[in-house]
Amino acid sequence: MAKDVINVEGQDVIVREDTAKAYRGVNWMIVVMISFVIIVAIVAAGFLLRASRDGKIESPTQMENTNSSTR
């Protein structure tokens, strides 16, 4: 079996190759999930700021009714 080295809590540990791949995969999953949450928070904040600029927050249906009545 092939061996690989991973760093756990500041110490190098020799493990099997499949275990090292799983460890790196979990690390990448955590990074991707945190990035996703940050991106969603930024987009949501942008939508909320844009929606509240005029001082009233309307649902998309209310906005559509307002737009269709002014045409």
PDB file of N, CA and C in Angstrom:
ATOM      1  N   MET A   1       0.838  -1.176   0.000  1.00  0.00           N
ATOM      2  CA  MET A   1       0.000   0.000   0.000  1.00  0.00           C
ATOM      3  C   MET A   1       0.886   1.243   0.000  1.00  0.00           C
ATOM      4  N   ALA A   2       0.428   2.240  -0.720  1.00  0.00           N
ATOM      5  CA  ALA A   2       1.162   3.499  -0.779  1.00  0.00           C
ATOM      6  C   ALA A   2       0.899   4.295   0.492  1.00  0.00           C
ATOM      7  N   LYS A   3       1.910   5.003   0.908  1.00  0.00           N
ATOM      8  CA  LYS A   3       1.802   5.836   2.111  1.00  0.00           C
ATOM      9  C   LYS A   3       1.867   7.298   1.710  1.00  0.00           C
ATOM     10  N   ASP A   4       1.295   8.151   2.543  1.00  0.00           N
ATOM     11  CA  ASP A   4       1.302   9.586   2.317  1.00  0.00           C
ATOM     12  C   ASP A   4       1.422  10.268   3.670  1.00  0.00           C
ATOM     13  N   VAL A   5       1.842  11.526   3.664  1.00  0.00           N
ATOM     14  CA  VAL A   5       2.023  12.275   4.898  1.00  0.00           C
ATOM     15  C   VAL A   5       0.997  13.396   4.949  1.00  0.00           C
ATOM     16  N   ILE A   6       0.274  13.491   6.074  1.00  0.00           N
ATOM     17  CA  ILE A   6      -0.646  14.597   6.302  1.00  0.00           C
ATOM     18  C   ILE A   6      -0.229  15.309   7.576  1.00  0.00           C
ATOM     19  N   ASN A   7      -0.647  16.557   7.698  1.00  0.00           N
ATOM     20  CA  ASN A   7      -0.311  17.344   8.864  1.00  0.00           C
ATOM     21  C   ASN A   7      -1.552  17.466   9.732  1.00  0.00           C
ATOM     22  N   VAL A   8      -1.497  16.888  10.942  1.00  0.00           N
ATOM     23  CA  VAL A   8      -2.618  16.909  11.871  1.00  0.00           C
ATOM     24  C   VAL A   8      -2.152  17.595  13.144  1.00  0.00           C
ATOM     25  N   GLU A   9      -2.782  18.727  13.450  1.00  0.00           N
ATOM     26  CA  GLU A   9      -2.478  19.493  14.660  1.00  0.00           C
ATOM     27  C   GLU A   9      -0.992  19.803  14.769  1.00  0.00           C
ATOM     28  N   GLY A  10      -0.382  20.155  13.639  1.00  0.00           N
ATOM     29  CA  GLY A  10       1.015  20.560  13.636  1.00  0.00           C
ATOM     30  C   GLY A  10       2.021  19.426  13.568  1.00  0.00           C
ATOM     31  N   GLN A  11       1.570  18.208  13.503  1.00  0.00           N
ATOM     32  CA  GLN A  11       2.485  17.067  13.445  1.00  0.00           C
ATOM     33  C   GLN A  11       2.243  16.292  12.156  1.00  0.00           C
ATOM     34  N   ASP A  12       3.335  15.855  11.529  1.00  0.00           N
ATOM     35  CA  ASP A  12       3.235  15.032  10.330  1.00  0.00           C
ATOM     36  C   ASP A  12       2.895  13.594  10.719  1.00  0.00           C
ATOM     37  N   VAL A  13       1.896  13.050  10.042  1.00  0.00           N
ATOM     38  CA  VAL A  13       1.443  11.694  10.329  1.00  0.00           C
ATOM     39  C   VAL A  13       1.483  10.911   9.022  1.00  0.00           C
ATOM     40  N   ILE A  14       2.063   9.727   9.050  1.00  0.00           N
ATOM     41  CA  ILE A  14       2.114   8.862   7.872  1.00  0.00           C
ATOM     42  C   ILE A  14       0.868   7.978   7.880  1.00  0.00           C
ATOM     43  N   VAL A  15       0.102   8.065   6.790  1.00  0.00           N
ATOM     44  CA  VAL A  15      -1.139   7.306   6.671  1.00  0.00           C
ATOM     45  C   VAL A  15      -1.203   6.677   5.290  1.00  0.00           C
ATOM     46  N   ARG A  16      -2.202   5.816   5.086  1.00  0.00           N
ATOM     47  CA  ARG A  16      -2.400   5.231   3.762  1.00  0.00           C
ATOM     48  C   ARG A  16      -2.855   6.318   2.794  1.00  0.00           C
ATOM     49  N   GLU A  17      -2.637   6.067   1.514  1.00  0.00           N
ATOM     50  CA  GLU A  17      -2.964   7.058   0.489  1.00  0.00           C
ATOM     51  C   GLU A  17      -4.458   7.390   0.470  1.00  0.00           C
ATOM     52  N   ASP A  18      -5.321   6.384   0.617  1.00  0.00           N
ATOM     53  CA  ASP A  18      -6.760   6.643   0.599  1.00  0.00           C
ATOM     54  C   ASP A  18      -7.198   7.468   1.802  1.00  0.00           C
ATOM     55  N   THR A  19      -6.566   7.244   2.944  1.00  0.00           N
ATOM     56  CA  THR A  19      -6.881   8.035   4.134  1.00  0.00           C
ATOM     57  C   THR A  19      -6.451   9.483   3.938  1.00  0.00           C
ATOM     58  N   ALA A  20      -5.293   9.693   3.327  1.00  0.00           N
ATOM     59  CA  ALA A  20      -4.818  11.054   3.059  1.00  0.00           C
ATOM     60  C   ALA A  20      -5.739  11.773   2.084  1.00  0.00           C
ATOM     61  N   LYS A  21      -6.212  11.065   1.056  1.00  0.00           N
ATOM     62  CA  LYS A  21      -7.131  11.682   0.100  1.00  0.00           C
ATOM     63  C   LYS A  21      -8.443  12.061   0.779  1.00  0.00           C
ATOM     64  N   ALA A  22      -8.937  11.204   1.650  1.00  0.00           N
ATOM     65  CA  ALA A  22     -10.173  11.501   2.373  1.00  0.00           C
ATOM     66  C   ALA A  22      -9.978  12.712   3.287  1.00  0.00           C
ATOM     67  N   TYR A  23      -8.845  12.794   3.940  1.00  0.00           N
ATOM     68  CA  TYR A  23      -8.540  13.924   4.833  1.00  0.00           C
ATOM     69  C   TYR A  23      -8.507  15.233   4.046  1.00  0.00           C
ATOM     70  N   ARG A  24      -7.824  15.216   2.895  1.00  0.00           N
ATOM     71  CA  ARG A  24      -7.770  16.419   2.060  1.00  0.00           C
ATOM     72  C   ARG A  24      -9.152  16.756   1.505  1.00  0.00           C
ATOM     73  N   GLY A  25      -9.930  15.745   1.165  1.00  0.00           N
ATOM     74  CA  GLY A  25     -11.282  15.975   0.656  1.00  0.00           C
ATOM     75  C   GLY A  25     -12.174  16.650   1.685  1.00  0.00           C
ATOM     76  N   VAL A  26     -12.064  16.226   2.930  1.00  0.00           N
ATOM     77  CA  VAL A  26     -12.850  16.846   4.001  1.00  0.00           C
ATOM     78  C   VAL A  26     -12.421  18.298   4.187  1.00  0.00           C
ATOM     79  N   ASN A  27     -11.117  18.554   4.129  1.00  0.00           N
ATOM     80  CA  ASN A  27     -10.635  19.931   4.263  1.00  0.00           C
ATOM     81  C   ASN A  27     -11.184  20.811   3.142  1.00  0.00           C
ATOM     82  N   TRP A  28     -11.160  20.306   1.908  1.00  0.00           N
ATOM     83  CA  TRP A  28     -11.691  21.072   0.787  1.00  0.00           C
ATOM     84  C   TRP A  28     -13.188  21.283   0.922  1.00  0.00           C
ATOM     85  N   MET A  29     -13.902  20.282   1.413  1.00  0.00           N
ATOM     86  CA  MET A  29     -15.343  20.411   1.603  1.00  0.00           C
ATOM     87  C   MET A  29     -15.652  21.535   2.584  1.00  0.00           C
ATOM     88  N   ILE A  30     -14.899  21.617   3.657  1.00  0.00           N
ATOM     89  CA  ILE A  30     -15.114  22.672   4.648  1.00  0.00           C
ATOM     90  C   ILE A  30     -14.856  24.043   4.026  1.00  0.00           C
ATOM     91  N   VAL A  31     -13.777  24.172   3.265  1.00  0.00           N
ATOM     92  CA  VAL A  31     -13.460  25.447   2.612  1.00  0.00           C
ATOM     93  C   VAL A  31     -14.559  25.844   1.635  1.00  0.00           C
ATOM     94  N   VAL A  32     -15.047  24.894   0.845  1.00  0.00           N
ATOM     95  CA  VAL A  32     -16.088  25.182  -0.138  1.00  0.00           C
ATOM     96  C   VAL A  32     -17.398  25.568   0.553  1.00  0.00           C
ATOM     97  N   MET A  33     -17.761  24.895   1.628  1.00  0.00           N
ATOM     98  CA  MET A  33     -18.993  25.219   2.341  1.00  0.00           C
ATOM     99  C   MET A  33     -18.925  26.615   2.959  1.00  0.00           C
ATOM    100  N   ILE A  34     -17.790  26.958   3.563  1.00  0.00           N
ATOM    101  CA  ILE A  34     -17.634  28.294   4.139  1.00  0.00           C
ATOM    102  C   ILE A  34     -17.706  29.347   3.040  1.00  0.00           C
ATOM    103  N   SER A  35     -17.060  29.092   1.920  1.00  0.00           N
ATOM    104  CA  SER A  35     -17.114  30.029   0.791  1.00  0.00           C
ATOM    105  C   SER A  35     -18.541  30.209   0.292  1.00  0.00           C
ATOM    106  N   PHE A  36     -19.286  29.120   0.174  1.00  0.00           N
ATOM    107  CA  PHE A  36     -20.674  29.185  -0.276  1.00  0.00           C
ATOM    108  C   PHE A  36     -21.520  30.028   0.669  1.00  0.00           C
ATOM    109  N   VAL A  37     -21.354  29.823   1.959  1.00  0.00           N
ATOM    110  CA  VAL A  37     -22.124  30.591   2.946  1.00  0.00           C
ATOM    111  C   VAL A  37     -21.789  32.075   2.848  1.00  0.00           C
ATOM    112  N   ILE A  38     -20.511  32.398   2.682  1.00  0.00           N
ATOM    113  CA  ILE A  38     -20.100  33.797   2.570  1.00  0.00           C
ATOM    114  C   ILE A  38     -20.688  34.424   1.302  1.00  0.00           C
ATOM    115  N   ILE A  39     -20.631  33.723   0.187  1.00  0.00           N
ATOM    116  CA  ILE A  39     -21.170  34.252  -1.062  1.00  0.00           C
ATOM    117  C   ILE A  39     -22.682  34.460  -0.959  1.00  0.00           C
ATOM    118  N   VAL A  40     -23.401  33.501  -0.385  1.00  0.00           N
ATOM    119  CA  VAL A  40     -24.848  33.631  -0.219  1.00  0.00           C
ATOM    120  C   VAL A  40     -25.176  34.810   0.689  1.00  0.00           C
ATOM    121  N   ALA A  41     -24.402  35.009   1.755  1.00  0.00           N
ATOM    122  CA  ALA A  41     -24.641  36.134   2.661  1.00  0.00           C
ATOM    123  C   ALA A  41     -24.423  37.464   1.948  1.00  0.00           C
ATOM    124  N   ILE A  42     -23.387  37.553   1.115  1.00  0.00           N
ATOM    125  CA  ILE A  42     -23.114  38.787   0.381  1.00  0.00           C
ATOM    126  C   ILE A  42     -24.241  39.079  -0.611  1.00  0.00           C
ATOM    127  N   VAL A  43     -24.683  38.060  -1.332  1.00  0.00           N
ATOM    128  CA  VAL A  43     -25.760  38.252  -2.306  1.00  0.00           C
ATOM    129  C   VAL A  43     -27.060  38.637  -1.592  1.00  0.00           C
ATOM    130  N   ALA A  44     -27.374  37.976  -0.488  1.00  0.00           N
ATOM    131  CA  ALA A  44     -28.592  38.300   0.258  1.00  0.00           C
ATOM    132  C   ALA A  44     -28.529  39.716   0.800  1.00  0.00           C
ATOM    133  N   ALA A  45     -27.390  40.116   1.318  1.00  0.00           N
ATOM    134  CA  ALA A  45     -27.249  41.488   1.822  1.00  0.00           C
ATOM    135  C   ALA A  45     -27.428  42.491   0.691  1.00  0.00           C
ATOM    136  N   GLY A  46     -26.883  42.190  -0.473  1.00  0.00           N
ATOM    137  CA  GLY A  46     -27.050  43.070  -1.623  1.00  0.00           C
ATOM    138  C   GLY A  46     -28.503  43.201  -2.028  1.00  0.00           C
ATOM    139  N   PHE A  47     -29.237  42.091  -2.076  1.00  0.00           N
ATOM    140  CA  PHE A  47     -30.655  42.143  -2.423  1.00  0.00           C
ATOM    141  C   PHE A  47     -31.449  42.918  -1.378  1.00  0.00           C
ATOM    142  N   LEU A  48     -31.156  42.697  -0.102  1.00  0.00           N
ATOM    143  CA  LEU A  48     -31.885  43.406   0.942  1.00  0.00           C
ATOM    144  C   LEU A  48     -31.604  44.903   0.897  1.00  0.00           C
ATOM    145  N   LEU A  49     -30.357  45.273   0.675  1.00  0.00           N
ATOM    146  CA  LEU A  49     -30.020  46.696   0.586  1.00  0.00           C
ATOM    147  C   LEU A  49     -30.702  47.337  -0.617  1.00  0.00           C
ATOM    148  N   ARG A  50     -30.692  46.639  -1.743  1.00  0.00           N
ATOM    149  CA  ARG A  50     -31.328  47.186  -2.940  1.00  0.00           C
ATOM    150  C   ARG A  50     -32.843  47.273  -2.764  1.00  0.00           C
ATOM    151  N   ALA A  51     -33.440  46.295  -2.100  1.00  0.00           N
ATOM    152  CA  ALA A  51     -34.890  46.291  -1.910  1.00  0.00           C
ATOM    153  C   ALA A  51     -35.333  47.348  -0.910  1.00  0.00           C
ATOM    154  N   SER A  52     -34.497  47.680   0.037  1.00  0.00           N
ATOM    155  CA  SER A  52     -34.895  48.621   1.076  1.00  0.00           C
ATOM    156  C   SER A  52     -34.434  50.047   0.796  1.00  0.00           C
ATOM    157  N   ARG A  53     -33.889  50.301  -0.359  1.00  0.00           N
ATOM    158  CA  ARG A  53     -33.401  51.643  -0.680  1.00  0.00           C
ATOM    159  C   ARG A  53     -34.510  52.690  -0.669  1.00  0.00           C
ATOM    160  N   ASP A  54     -35.684  52.324  -1.152  1.00  0.00           N
ATOM    161  CA  ASP A  54     -36.764  53.292  -1.222  1.00  0.00           C
ATOM    162  C   ASP A  54     -37.576  53.377   0.067  1.00  0.00           C
ATOM    163  N   GLY A  55     -37.194  52.629   1.077  1.00  0.00           N
ATOM    164  CA  GLY A  55     -37.862  52.706   2.373  1.00  0.00           C
ATOM    165  C   GLY A  55     -38.984  51.718   2.561  1.00  0.00           C
ATOM    166  N   LYS A  56     -39.333  50.959   1.543  1.00  0.00           N
ATOM    167  CA  LYS A  56     -40.368  49.937   1.687  1.00  0.00           C
ATOM    168  C   LYS A  56     -39.902  48.653   1.023  1.00  0.00           C
ATOM    169  N   ILE A  57     -40.214  47.564   1.647  1.00  0.00           N
ATOM    170  CA  ILE A  57     -39.825  46.262   1.116  1.00  0.00           C
ATOM    171  C   ILE A  57     -41.080  45.602   0.569  1.00  0.00           C
ATOM    172  N   GLU A  58     -41.053  45.302  -0.717  1.00  0.00           N
ATOM    173  CA  GLU A  58     -42.199  44.692  -1.367  1.00  0.00           C
ATOM    174  C   GLU A  58     -41.835  43.299  -1.847  1.00  0.00           C
ATOM    175  N   SER A  59     -42.838  42.432  -1.895  1.00  0.00           N
ATOM    176  CA  SER A  59     -42.622  41.118  -2.463  1.00  0.00           C
ATOM    177  C   SER A  59     -42.576  41.253  -3.986  1.00  0.00           C
ATOM    178  N   PRO A  60     -42.051  40.270  -4.695  1.00  0.00           N
ATOM    179  CA  PRO A  60     -42.034  40.341  -6.156  1.00  0.00           C
ATOM    180  C   PRO A  60     -43.428  40.515  -6.765  1.00  0.00           C
ATOM    181  N   THR A  61     -44.449  39.933  -6.151  1.00  0.00           N
ATOM    182  CA  THR A  61     -45.810  40.075  -6.676  1.00  0.00           C
ATOM    183  C   THR A  61     -46.278  41.516  -6.550  1.00  0.00           C
ATOM    184  N   GLN A  62     -45.997  42.150  -5.415  1.00  0.00           N
ATOM    185  CA  GLN A  62     -46.388  43.542  -5.235  1.00  0.00           C
ATOM    186  C   GLN A  62     -45.644  44.444  -6.213  1.00  0.00           C
ATOM    187  N   MET A  63     -44.372  44.146  -6.446  1.00  0.00           N
ATOM    188  CA  MET A  63     -43.586  44.942  -7.380  1.00  0.00           C
ATOM    189  C   MET A  63     -44.134  44.774  -8.797  1.00  0.00           C
ATOM    190  N   GLU A  64     -44.540  43.548  -9.156  1.00  0.00           N
ATOM    191  CA  GLU A  64     -45.079  43.286 -10.486  1.00  0.00           C
ATOM    192  C   GLU A  64     -46.403  44.012 -10.681  1.00  0.00           C
ATOM    193  N   ASN A  65     -47.250  44.023  -9.651  1.00  0.00           N
ATOM    194  CA  ASN A  65     -48.531  44.728  -9.737  1.00  0.00           C
ATOM    195  C   ASN A  65     -48.312  46.225  -9.883  1.00  0.00           C
ATOM    196  N   THR A  66     -47.333  46.773  -9.172  1.00  0.00           N
ATOM    197  CA  THR A  66     -47.034  48.191  -9.258  1.00  0.00           C
ATOM    198  C   THR A  66     -46.516  48.537 -10.644  1.00  0.00           C
ATOM    199  N   ASN A  67     -45.648  47.710 -11.198  1.00  0.00           N
ATOM    200  CA  ASN A  67     -45.094  47.966 -12.524  1.00  0.00           C
ATOM    201  C   ASN A  67     -46.159  47.848 -13.619  1.00  0.00           C
ATOM    202  N   SER A  68     -47.060  46.892 -13.492  1.00  0.00           N
ATOM    203  CA  SER A  68     -48.071  46.707 -14.532  1.00  0.00           C
ATOM    204  C   SER A  68     -49.121  47.812 -14.492  1.00  0.00           C
ATOM    205  N   SER A  69     -49.367  48.409 -13.352  1.00  0.00           N
ATOM    206  CA  SER A  69     -50.360  49.467 -13.245  1.00  0.00           C
ATOM    207  C   SER A  69     -49.832  50.791 -13.794  1.00  0.00           C
ATOM    208  N   THR A  70     -48.511  50.959 -13.881  1.00  0.00           N
ATOM    209  CA  THR A  70     -47.940  52.208 -14.395  1.00  0.00           C
ATOM    210  C   THR A  70     -47.736  52.166 -15.893  1.00  0.00           C
ATOM    211  N   ARG A  71     -47.966  51.026 -16.540  1.00  0.00           N
ATOM    212  CA  ARG A  71     -47.755  50.907 -17.993  1.00  0.00           C
ATOM    213  C   ARG A  71     -48.877  51.490 -18.769  1.00  0.00           C
TER     214      ARG A  71
END
